[in-house]
C-alpha cells in the first residue's frame, strides 16, 4: 500500500508541469555558476589588456593634454602684521600672475599606428603641432600692484604637457621675430607644493574624466627676460609629441582655433566642445574647433590661489583614438542577456513537451544550457584574435549548429530541431542588434520581450492546463 502511494506520488510529481517549470527555473539558476566564472575570465582578460596597454604607453607616450601657452610673471606680495610686542613686521612672498593669449591657433597632424604586444593591439601616434598666436603686454593695473614689485626679469612663457618626456623635437620659440630656446619644466611657479598647475589629467587608462595634475607639472618654458616691452607679442613654435589613446587641448585664447587631421578613421570627439567642422572617412579625419573665451569659466588673467584648476581641466577638448569596438566591453554586455537567452531557449523546449507530448530529461536541458554558456567564452577567445564581428558570427554559428544537432536526437525530429535552431539564431541576431545599437537597446529589448510573450500565449492558448495535472 505504501509502495503504491509512493509510486503514485512520484508519478504525480513527474507529470506536474508546475514542478517541471520550477525545475527548469532551478537549472537556470544553477547555470549562473559557470556564467559567473566566465564573467571573471572576461574581467581578468580585460585587466591583462589594460596592464599591457599601460606598459606600452608608459614607454611610448600616454594620452596627451597640451595646456598653453601662457605668460607667467612673478611679483612680490607685501603685507604687515603686528607682533606681540606691538611692533609691525613686514612679510614678503613671491607670487605669480598668469596671462593668456589674445589669439591662439594650433595646427596639428596625428599619424597613428597600432603597436602589438602579444595578442593585444595598442593604438599610438606621433603628433606634430604648430602653435601660433598673439599676447598683449601683461597688465597688473587692476590688481593695484606697484611696478617695482613686478619681477619682469623672471617672466617666462609656459606650456604644460601631460607627458612631456615624449617630446621628440627641440622646439624654438619665435617671439616678435626673436628666437628663444625652451627649457625643461613648466616653470618656477609649478615647483611650490602649495601650487597646482591647472588643466592636465593624471593617467588613468581608458577614462575621459579630466583631473588636475599635482605639482610639479611637466612641460616646457622659455625665459622672456627683457622681452615684454612691446604692446603686443606675436609668437610661434613647433611641437612634436608621441602619445596614445587621445590628444586634448584647452581654449586659452580669447579666440582659440584648433585644426587637427589624422589617418585614424574612427575618432571619438570628446570634451566641453565638439568640432565646428569635421570630416571623417575611411582614410582618416579632419576637424576644426573654433572656441570663443566667453564659453569657458575662467578669465584671461589671474593670480596665485585663484582656484581655477577644476574649471581649466573641465574645459579640455579633443579626440580619443581608441578601437571602435572593445570586445571586452562587448563580452560584458553580452553576458548581461544570458538569463534571457536561457529562459527563451528552455521555454522553446518546454513548449515542445507541452504541445507534442515529448519528454525532455533535466540533464538534457542542462546540456543545452551549457552550450549556451559556452558561447560567451568562444566569443571572447575568438575576438582576441580575429575581432568582435567575426568572432560573434563564428561563435553563434557553432552554438546554433551544436544545439540544433543535439535537438535532432532529443526531439526525435529534424524539423523540430530546425525550429529550435531558428529560435536560437533569431536570439543571437537580436543580441547583435542590441550590442551594436546601445541607444535603442531598451526599445528593441522591450519590443522583443513583448513578441516572445505574445508567441508563448498564442501557442498555449488552447491548452487545458487542468488536464496536464498542474
Protein backbone atom coordinates (compact mmCIF):
# COMPACT_ATOMS: atom_id res chain seq x y z
CA UNK A 1 0.00 0.00 0.00
CA UNK A 2 2.83 2.35 0.91
CA UNK A 3 4.68 1.47 -2.29
CA UNK A 4 1.58 2.26 -4.36
CA UNK A 5 1.17 5.59 -2.54
CA UNK A 6 4.85 6.45 -3.11
CA UNK A 7 4.69 5.43 -6.75
CA UNK A 8 1.55 7.44 -7.37
CA UNK A 9 3.08 10.44 -5.60
CA UNK A 10 6.27 10.20 -7.65
CA UNK A 11 4.23 9.88 -10.83
CA UNK A 12 2.21 12.96 -9.91
CA UNK A 13 5.43 14.92 -9.39
CA UNK A 14 6.82 13.73 -12.72
CA UNK A 15 3.65 14.73 -14.55
CA UNK A 16 3.23 18.09 -12.84
CA UNK A 17 4.03 20.87 -15.27
CA UNK A 18 4.29 23.33 -12.41
CA UNK A 19 7.10 21.29 -10.89
CA UNK A 20 8.71 20.97 -14.34
CA UNK A 21 8.70 24.74 -14.68
CA UNK A 22 10.18 25.15 -11.21
CA UNK A 23 12.86 22.59 -12.06
CA UNK A 24 13.70 24.44 -15.28
CA UNK A 25 14.00 27.63 -13.23
CA UNK A 26 16.35 25.84 -10.84
CA UNK A 27 18.52 24.72 -13.77
CA UNK A 28 18.75 28.33 -15.00
CA UNK A 29 19.87 29.41 -11.52
CA UNK A 30 22.38 26.54 -11.44
CA UNK A 31 23.85 27.67 -14.78
CA UNK A 32 24.68 31.04 -13.23
CA UNK A 33 27.70 29.34 -11.65
CA UNK A 34 29.57 28.85 -14.97
CA UNK A 35 28.29 32.25 -16.14
CA UNK A 36 29.88 33.85 -13.07
CA UNK A 37 33.16 32.05 -13.85
CA UNK A 38 33.02 33.32 -17.44
CA UNK A 39 32.44 36.89 -16.21
CA UNK A 40 35.53 36.53 -14.02
CA UNK A 41 37.56 35.36 -17.02
CA UNK A 42 36.37 38.34 -19.07
CA UNK A 43 37.41 40.73 -16.29
CA UNK A 44 40.80 39.05 -15.92
CA UNK A 45 41.49 39.25 -19.67
CA UNK A 46 40.41 42.88 -19.71
CA UNK A 47 42.76 43.64 -16.82
CA UNK A 48 45.58 41.89 -18.66
CA UNK A 49 44.85 44.04 -21.71
CA UNK A 50 44.87 47.18 -19.58
CA UNK A 51 48.18 46.24 -17.98
CA UNK A 52 49.69 45.59 -21.40
CA UNK A 53 48.38 48.93 -22.68
CA UNK A 54 49.86 50.71 -19.66
CA UNK A 55 53.21 49.01 -20.20
CA UNK A 56 53.40 50.07 -23.86
CA UNK A 57 52.06 53.60 -23.41
CA UNK A 58 54.33 54.21 -20.42
CA UNK A 59 57.29 53.76 -22.76
CA UNK A 60 55.88 55.29 -25.94
CA UNK A 61 53.68 58.05 -24.54
CA UNK A 62 50.39 58.37 -22.75
CA UNK A 63 47.32 60.43 -23.56
CA UNK A 64 48.48 63.97 -24.23
CA UNK A 65 46.95 67.16 -22.86
CA UNK A 66 48.54 70.41 -24.02
CA UNK A 67 47.76 73.44 -21.85
CA UNK A 68 49.01 76.79 -23.03
CA UNK A 69 50.99 78.69 -23.87
CA UNK A 70 50.60 81.36 -21.19
CA UNK A 71 52.83 84.05 -19.72
CA UNK A 72 53.84 83.78 -16.07
CA UNK A 73 55.12 86.91 -14.33
CA UNK A 74 56.36 86.71 -10.71
CA UNK A 75 55.66 89.60 -8.36
CA UNK A 76 56.33 90.40 -4.71
CA UNK A 77 53.39 90.38 -2.33
CA UNK A 78 53.93 92.52 0.79
CA UNK A 79 51.84 92.65 3.94
CA UNK A 80 52.40 93.60 7.54
CA UNK A 81 51.45 92.01 10.85
CA UNK A 82 51.66 93.33 14.36
CA UNK A 83 53.94 91.33 16.59
CA UNK A 84 53.20 90.58 20.24
CA UNK A 85 55.40 93.46 21.30
CA UNK A 86 53.26 95.85 19.24
CA UNK A 87 55.86 96.42 16.53
CA UNK A 88 54.85 95.95 12.88
CA UNK A 89 56.50 93.17 10.92
CA UNK A 90 56.70 93.28 7.13
CA UNK A 91 56.27 89.99 5.23
CA UNK A 92 57.15 89.41 1.59
CA UNK A 93 56.35 86.49 -0.68
CA UNK A 94 56.89 85.82 -4.36
CA UNK A 95 53.64 85.04 -6.13
CA UNK A 96 52.72 84.53 -9.76
CA UNK A 97 50.33 86.01 -12.27
CA UNK A 98 49.23 84.11 -15.37
CA UNK A 99 48.26 85.83 -18.63
CA UNK A 100 46.57 84.09 -21.56
CA UNK A 101 46.97 84.90 -25.27
CA UNK A 102 44.57 87.07 -27.23
CA UNK A 103 44.65 84.64 -30.13
CA UNK A 104 45.68 81.00 -30.19
CA UNK A 105 45.79 78.84 -33.30
CA UNK A 106 47.05 75.26 -33.24
CA UNK A 107 47.61 73.23 -36.40
CA UNK A 108 48.10 69.54 -35.75
CA UNK A 109 48.72 66.32 -37.62
CA UNK A 110 48.35 62.97 -35.88
CA UNK A 111 49.97 59.98 -37.55
CA UNK A 112 48.55 56.92 -35.81
CA UNK A 113 49.70 53.34 -35.86
CA UNK A 114 48.93 50.15 -33.95
CA UNK A 115 51.56 48.52 -31.78
CA UNK A 116 51.26 44.87 -30.81
CA UNK A 117 52.18 43.21 -27.54
CA UNK A 118 51.26 39.55 -27.79
CA UNK A 119 47.66 39.35 -28.99
CA UNK A 120 46.82 42.87 -27.83
CA UNK A 121 46.61 45.94 -30.08
CA UNK A 122 47.59 49.34 -28.67
CA UNK A 123 46.95 52.43 -30.82
CA UNK A 124 49.74 55.04 -30.56
CA UNK A 125 50.55 58.17 -32.53
CA UNK A 126 53.10 60.81 -33.47
CA UNK A 127 51.65 64.31 -33.24
CA UNK A 128 53.19 67.33 -34.97
CA UNK A 129 51.85 70.72 -33.82
CA UNK A 130 52.43 74.26 -34.97
CA UNK A 131 51.30 76.81 -32.37
CA UNK A 132 50.89 80.47 -33.29
CA UNK A 133 49.16 83.42 -31.63
CA UNK A 134 49.46 86.81 -30.02
CA UNK A 135 49.79 88.12 -26.45
CA UNK A 136 49.06 91.60 -25.15
CA UNK A 137 51.51 93.11 -22.66
CA UNK A 138 50.75 91.80 -19.15
CA UNK A 139 48.73 94.36 -17.22
CA UNK A 140 48.85 94.50 -13.40
CA UNK A 141 46.95 97.78 -13.04
CA UNK A 142 43.67 96.15 -11.98
CA UNK A 143 45.34 94.47 -9.01
CA UNK A 144 46.98 97.56 -7.53
CA UNK A 145 50.47 96.03 -7.61
CA UNK A 146 53.34 98.53 -7.61
CA UNK A 147 55.53 98.40 -10.69
CA UNK A 148 58.67 97.96 -8.57
CA UNK A 149 57.19 94.76 -7.12
CA UNK A 150 56.82 93.12 -10.53
CA UNK A 151 59.76 90.83 -11.36
CA UNK A 152 59.84 91.30 -15.13
CA UNK A 153 63.31 89.78 -15.38
CA UNK A 154 61.90 86.44 -14.20
CA UNK A 155 58.89 86.29 -16.54
CA UNK A 156 58.56 83.29 -18.84
CA UNK A 157 56.29 81.57 -21.33
CA UNK A 158 54.96 78.21 -20.11
CA UNK A 159 53.37 75.22 -21.83
CA UNK A 160 52.11 72.34 -19.70
CA UNK A 161 52.22 68.92 -21.36
CA UNK A 162 50.84 65.88 -19.57
CA UNK A 163 53.60 63.55 -20.81
CA UNK A 164 56.43 65.94 -21.66
CA UNK A 165 59.11 63.23 -21.72
CA UNK A 166 57.82 62.16 -25.15
CA UNK A 167 58.73 65.44 -26.87
CA UNK A 168 60.71 64.39 -29.94
CA UNK A 169 61.98 67.74 -31.23
CA UNK A 170 63.87 70.73 -29.83
CA UNK A 171 61.24 73.46 -30.28
CA UNK A 172 62.37 77.04 -30.79
CA UNK A 173 60.08 79.89 -29.78
CA UNK A 174 59.75 82.77 -32.23
CA UNK A 175 58.83 85.80 -30.07
CA UNK A 176 58.36 89.01 -32.05
CA UNK A 177 60.92 87.69 -34.55
CA UNK A 178 63.40 86.78 -31.77
CA UNK A 179 64.46 83.15 -31.43
CA UNK A 180 64.27 81.77 -27.88
CA UNK A 181 65.07 78.30 -26.57
CA UNK A 182 62.76 76.27 -24.40
CA UNK A 183 63.87 74.74 -21.10
CA UNK A 184 62.53 71.63 -19.34
CA UNK A 185 59.67 72.01 -16.87
CA UNK A 186 56.69 74.33 -16.96
CA UNK A 187 58.46 76.97 -14.87
CA UNK A 188 59.26 78.00 -11.31
CA UNK A 189 55.65 78.58 -10.27
CA UNK A 190 54.97 74.83 -10.62
CA UNK A 191 57.66 73.89 -8.11
CA UNK A 192 55.98 75.02 -4.88
CA UNK A 193 53.98 72.35 -3.10
CA UNK A 194 51.13 74.76 -2.40
CA UNK A 195 50.65 75.49 -6.09
CA UNK A 196 48.76 73.35 -8.58
CA UNK A 197 49.28 73.89 -12.27
CA UNK A 198 45.94 73.58 -13.96
CA UNK A 199 44.39 71.69 -16.74
CA UNK A 200 46.21 68.39 -17.09
CA UNK A 201 44.97 64.98 -16.10
CA UNK A 202 46.66 62.11 -14.32
CA UNK A 203 47.00 58.99 -16.44
CA UNK A 204 44.05 56.76 -15.75
CA UNK A 205 43.78 54.18 -18.56
CA UNK A 206 40.56 54.16 -20.56
CA UNK A 207 38.82 57.07 -18.85
CA UNK A 208 37.96 60.51 -20.08
CA UNK A 209 37.39 62.27 -16.76
CA UNK A 210 39.63 65.36 -16.64
CA UNK A 211 41.58 65.77 -13.42
CA UNK A 212 44.15 68.35 -12.32
CA UNK A 213 47.71 67.05 -12.15
CA UNK A 214 49.57 67.50 -8.84
CA UNK A 215 52.73 69.58 -8.90
CA UNK A 216 55.26 69.84 -10.31
CA UNK A 217 53.57 70.00 -13.69
CA UNK A 218 55.53 68.61 -16.65
CA UNK A 219 56.04 70.81 -19.67
CA UNK A 220 58.49 73.33 -21.13
CA UNK A 221 59.12 77.05 -20.65
CA UNK A 222 61.12 79.87 -22.22
CA UNK A 223 62.51 82.90 -20.43
CA UNK A 224 61.02 86.24 -21.52
CA UNK A 225 63.55 88.41 -19.71
CA UNK A 226 63.73 91.82 -21.45
CA UNK A 227 61.16 90.61 -23.99
CA UNK A 228 58.00 92.20 -22.58
CA UNK A 229 58.48 95.87 -23.51
CA UNK A 230 56.17 95.95 -26.54
CA UNK A 231 52.39 96.27 -26.53
CA UNK A 232 51.82 93.02 -28.42
CA UNK A 233 53.85 89.88 -28.93
CA UNK A 234 53.42 87.50 -31.84
CA UNK A 235 54.69 84.01 -31.15
CA UNK A 236 55.01 80.65 -32.85
CA UNK A 237 56.74 77.36 -32.19
CA UNK A 238 56.62 73.76 -33.41
CA UNK A 239 55.99 70.85 -31.07
CA UNK A 240 56.27 67.14 -31.78
CA UNK A 241 55.00 64.54 -29.32
CA UNK A 242 54.48 60.83 -29.04
CA UNK A 243 51.24 59.79 -27.41
CA UNK A 244 48.42 57.27 -27.29
CA UNK A 245 44.70 56.97 -26.77
CA UNK A 246 43.91 60.66 -27.24
CA UNK A 247 45.02 64.27 -27.71
CA UNK A 248 43.46 67.18 -25.84
CA UNK A 249 43.80 70.96 -25.61
CA UNK A 250 42.35 73.85 -23.61
CA UNK A 251 40.90 77.10 -25.01
CA UNK A 252 43.38 79.58 -23.53
CA UNK A 253 42.94 82.25 -26.21
CA UNK A 254 40.24 84.88 -26.42
CA UNK A 255 39.80 83.21 -29.77
CA UNK A 256 41.05 79.62 -29.87
CA UNK A 257 41.20 77.63 -33.07
CA UNK A 258 42.50 74.09 -33.38
CA UNK A 259 42.85 72.26 -36.71
CA UNK A 260 43.60 68.55 -36.47
CA UNK A 261 43.94 65.93 -39.16
CA UNK A 262 44.85 62.29 -38.82
CA UNK A 263 44.90 58.95 -40.60
CA UNK A 264 42.78 57.42 -37.77
CA UNK A 265 39.39 56.58 -39.26
CA UNK A 266 37.39 56.07 -36.06
CA UNK A 267 37.78 59.25 -33.96
CA UNK A 268 35.73 59.87 -30.84
CA UNK A 269 35.47 63.61 -30.23
CA UNK A 270 35.34 64.43 -26.53
CA UNK A 271 35.38 67.33 -24.13
CA UNK A 272 33.47 70.50 -23.47
CA UNK A 273 33.33 71.44 -27.18
CA UNK A 274 32.78 69.38 -30.28
CA UNK A 275 34.35 70.35 -33.62
CA UNK A 276 32.59 73.12 -35.50
CA UNK A 277 33.63 71.32 -38.70
CA UNK A 278 34.67 67.75 -39.21
CA UNK A 279 35.16 65.25 -41.99
CA UNK A 280 35.57 61.53 -41.29
CA UNK A 281 36.39 58.96 -43.97
CA UNK A 282 37.93 55.51 -44.03
CA UNK A 283 41.28 57.23 -44.65
CA UNK A 284 41.16 59.43 -41.56
CA UNK A 285 39.56 62.57 -40.19
CA UNK A 286 39.92 66.33 -40.24
CA UNK A 287 38.37 68.51 -37.53
CA UNK A 288 38.30 72.19 -36.61
CA UNK A 289 37.37 73.75 -33.28
CA UNK A 290 36.55 77.50 -33.06
CA UNK A 291 36.08 78.46 -29.41
CA UNK A 292 35.48 81.99 -28.05
CA UNK A 293 36.60 82.64 -24.49
CA UNK A 294 33.05 83.59 -23.38
CA UNK A 295 32.13 79.91 -23.24
CA UNK A 296 34.70 78.96 -20.61
CA UNK A 297 34.59 79.55 -16.86
CA UNK A 298 37.85 81.41 -16.21
CA UNK A 299 39.28 84.83 -17.19
CA UNK A 300 42.21 85.93 -19.33
CA UNK A 301 44.46 86.52 -16.33
CA UNK A 302 44.64 85.54 -12.68
CA UNK A 303 46.96 85.47 -9.71
CA UNK A 304 48.21 82.68 -7.45
CA UNK A 305 45.50 80.98 -5.43
CA UNK A 306 42.65 81.81 -7.83
CA UNK A 307 41.40 78.21 -7.58
CA UNK A 308 40.75 77.80 -11.30
CA UNK A 309 42.27 74.34 -11.66
CA UNK A 310 38.96 72.49 -11.93
CA UNK A 311 37.47 75.00 -14.38
CA UNK A 312 40.52 74.73 -16.62
CA UNK A 313 40.63 70.95 -16.51
CA UNK A 314 36.93 70.75 -17.36
CA UNK A 315 37.46 72.94 -20.42
CA UNK A 316 39.54 70.31 -22.21
CA UNK A 317 38.51 69.25 -25.68
CA UNK A 318 39.99 66.94 -28.26
CA UNK A 319 39.77 63.46 -29.67
CA UNK A 320 40.15 59.90 -28.45
CA UNK A 321 41.90 57.46 -30.76
CA UNK A 322 40.58 54.17 -29.48
CA UNK A 323 39.40 51.00 -31.12
CA UNK A 324 35.76 51.47 -32.16
CA UNK A 325 34.78 48.03 -30.84
CA UNK A 326 36.10 46.93 -27.46
CA UNK A 327 35.46 43.19 -27.42
CA UNK A 328 35.83 43.02 -23.61
CA UNK A 329 33.11 45.61 -23.17
CA UNK A 330 31.01 43.78 -25.75
CA UNK A 331 31.57 40.49 -23.91
CA UNK A 332 30.43 42.05 -20.63
CA UNK A 333 27.32 43.40 -22.33
CA UNK A 334 26.61 40.04 -23.99
CA UNK A 335 26.65 38.21 -20.66
CA UNK A 336 24.03 40.59 -19.28
CA UNK A 337 21.47 38.94 -21.57
CA UNK A 338 22.38 35.33 -20.75
CA UNK A 339 19.36 34.74 -18.46
CA UNK A 340 17.03 35.90 -21.22
CA UNK A 341 18.70 33.51 -23.66
CA UNK A 342 18.45 30.57 -21.28
CA UNK A 343 14.82 31.30 -20.44
CA UNK A 344 13.73 31.63 -24.06
CA UNK A 345 15.64 28.51 -25.17
CA UNK A 346 14.28 26.43 -22.30
CA UNK A 347 10.75 27.76 -22.91
CA UNK A 348 11.05 26.61 -26.54
CA UNK A 349 11.99 23.09 -25.42
CA UNK A 350 9.27 23.10 -22.75
CA UNK A 351 6.66 24.07 -25.35
CA UNK A 352 7.65 21.00 -27.35
CA UNK A 353 7.00 18.94 -24.22
CA UNK A 354 3.56 20.50 -23.84
CA UNK A 355 2.45 20.65 -27.47
CA UNK A 356 3.72 17.34 -28.87
CA UNK A 357 3.80 15.31 -25.64
CA UNK A 358 7.53 14.56 -25.70
CA UNK A 359 9.60 14.27 -22.53
CA UNK A 360 12.97 16.00 -22.25
CA UNK A 361 15.18 14.99 -19.34
CA UNK A 362 16.54 17.63 -16.96
CA UNK A 363 20.08 16.60 -17.86
CA UNK A 364 19.32 17.35 -21.50
CA UNK A 365 18.12 20.83 -20.50
CA UNK A 366 21.37 21.23 -18.59
CA UNK A 367 23.50 20.23 -21.58
CA UNK A 368 21.68 22.68 -23.85
CA UNK A 369 22.22 25.39 -21.22
CA UNK A 370 25.91 24.54 -21.01
CA UNK A 371 26.17 25.06 -24.77
CA UNK A 372 24.50 28.46 -24.43
CA UNK A 373 27.00 29.42 -21.71
CA UNK A 374 29.93 28.26 -23.82
CA UNK A 375 29.02 30.87 -26.45
CA UNK A 376 30.34 33.73 -24.30
CA UNK A 377 33.71 32.02 -23.81
CA UNK A 378 34.03 31.27 -27.51
CA UNK A 379 33.06 34.82 -28.42
CA UNK A 380 35.76 36.32 -26.17
CA UNK A 381 38.57 33.92 -27.07
CA UNK A 382 37.98 34.33 -30.80
CA UNK A 383 37.54 38.11 -30.59
CA UNK A 384 41.03 38.50 -29.12
CA UNK A 385 42.44 37.09 -32.36
CA UNK A 386 40.05 37.88 -35.21
CA UNK A 387 37.94 40.80 -33.99
CA UNK A 388 34.48 41.02 -32.47
CA UNK A 389 32.24 40.74 -35.55
CA UNK A 390 33.93 37.65 -36.99
CA UNK A 391 34.14 36.08 -33.52
CA UNK A 392 30.45 36.67 -32.88
CA UNK A 393 29.44 35.10 -36.19
CA UNK A 394 31.65 32.03 -35.72
CA UNK A 395 30.75 31.50 -32.04
CA UNK A 396 26.99 31.91 -32.56
CA UNK A 397 27.05 29.67 -35.66
CA UNK A 398 28.94 26.98 -33.76
CA UNK A 399 26.48 27.02 -30.85
CA UNK A 400 23.45 27.01 -33.15
CA UNK A 401 24.88 24.02 -35.03
CA UNK A 402 25.76 22.21 -31.79
CA UNK A 403 22.36 22.63 -30.14
CA UNK A 404 20.39 22.00 -33.35
CA UNK A 405 22.26 18.74 -33.96
CA UNK A 406 21.68 17.68 -30.36
CA UNK A 407 17.97 18.53 -30.60
CA UNK A 408 17.59 16.16 -33.55
CA UNK A 409 18.16 13.36 -31.02
CA UNK A 410 16.25 14.69 -28.02
CA UNK A 411 13.24 15.91 -30.03
CA UNK A 412 13.33 12.92 -32.42
CA UNK A 413 12.75 15.11 -35.46
CA UNK A 414 14.91 17.15 -37.80
CA UNK A 415 12.15 19.71 -38.35
CA UNK A 416 11.74 20.25 -34.61
CA UNK A 417 15.48 20.72 -34.29
CA UNK A 418 15.33 23.24 -37.14
CA UNK A 419 12.70 25.19 -35.18
CA UNK A 420 14.95 25.28 -32.10
CA UNK A 421 17.93 26.29 -34.24
CA UNK A 422 15.89 29.05 -35.85
CA UNK A 423 14.82 30.38 -32.47
CA UNK A 424 18.41 30.44 -31.21
CA UNK A 425 19.60 32.05 -34.45
CA UNK A 426 17.00 34.80 -34.01
CA UNK A 427 18.15 35.26 -30.43
CA UNK A 428 21.77 35.75 -31.48
CA UNK A 429 20.74 38.13 -34.26
CA UNK A 430 18.60 40.00 -31.75
CA UNK A 431 21.54 40.20 -29.31
CA UNK A 432 23.85 41.52 -32.02
CA UNK A 433 21.41 44.33 -32.76
CA UNK A 434 21.31 45.19 -29.05
CA UNK A 435 25.11 45.22 -28.82
CA UNK A 436 25.63 47.40 -31.89
CA UNK A 437 22.81 49.85 -31.15
CA UNK A 438 23.10 50.65 -27.48
CA UNK A 439 20.90 53.76 -27.78
CA UNK A 440 17.97 51.61 -28.93
CA UNK A 441 18.66 48.62 -26.65
CA UNK A 442 15.74 49.35 -24.29
CA UNK A 443 13.27 49.87 -27.14
CA UNK A 444 14.36 46.79 -29.08
CA UNK A 445 14.52 44.72 -25.88
CA UNK A 446 11.03 45.64 -24.69
CA UNK A 447 9.50 45.01 -28.14
CA UNK A 448 11.29 41.67 -28.37
CA UNK A 449 10.06 40.52 -24.96
CA UNK A 450 6.53 41.56 -25.87
CA UNK A 451 6.66 39.47 -29.05
CA UNK A 452 8.07 36.46 -27.19
CA UNK A 453 5.34 36.63 -24.54
CA UNK A 454 2.69 37.04 -27.22
CA UNK A 455 4.02 33.99 -29.08
CA UNK A 456 4.01 31.81 -25.95
CA UNK A 457 0.48 32.93 -25.08
CA UNK A 458 -0.70 32.23 -28.62
CA UNK A 459 0.82 28.73 -28.75
CA UNK A 460 -0.59 27.75 -25.36
CA UNK A 461 -3.99 29.43 -25.68
CA UNK A 462 -5.94 26.15 -26.21
CA UNK A 463 -4.10 24.00 -23.69
CA UNK A 464 -6.25 22.54 -20.93
CA UNK A 465 -3.84 23.09 -18.06
CA UNK A 466 -6.05 21.13 -15.63
CA UNK A 467 -5.75 18.03 -17.76
CA UNK A 468 -1.97 18.36 -17.54
CA UNK A 469 -2.18 17.99 -13.74
CA UNK A 470 -0.57 21.32 -12.95
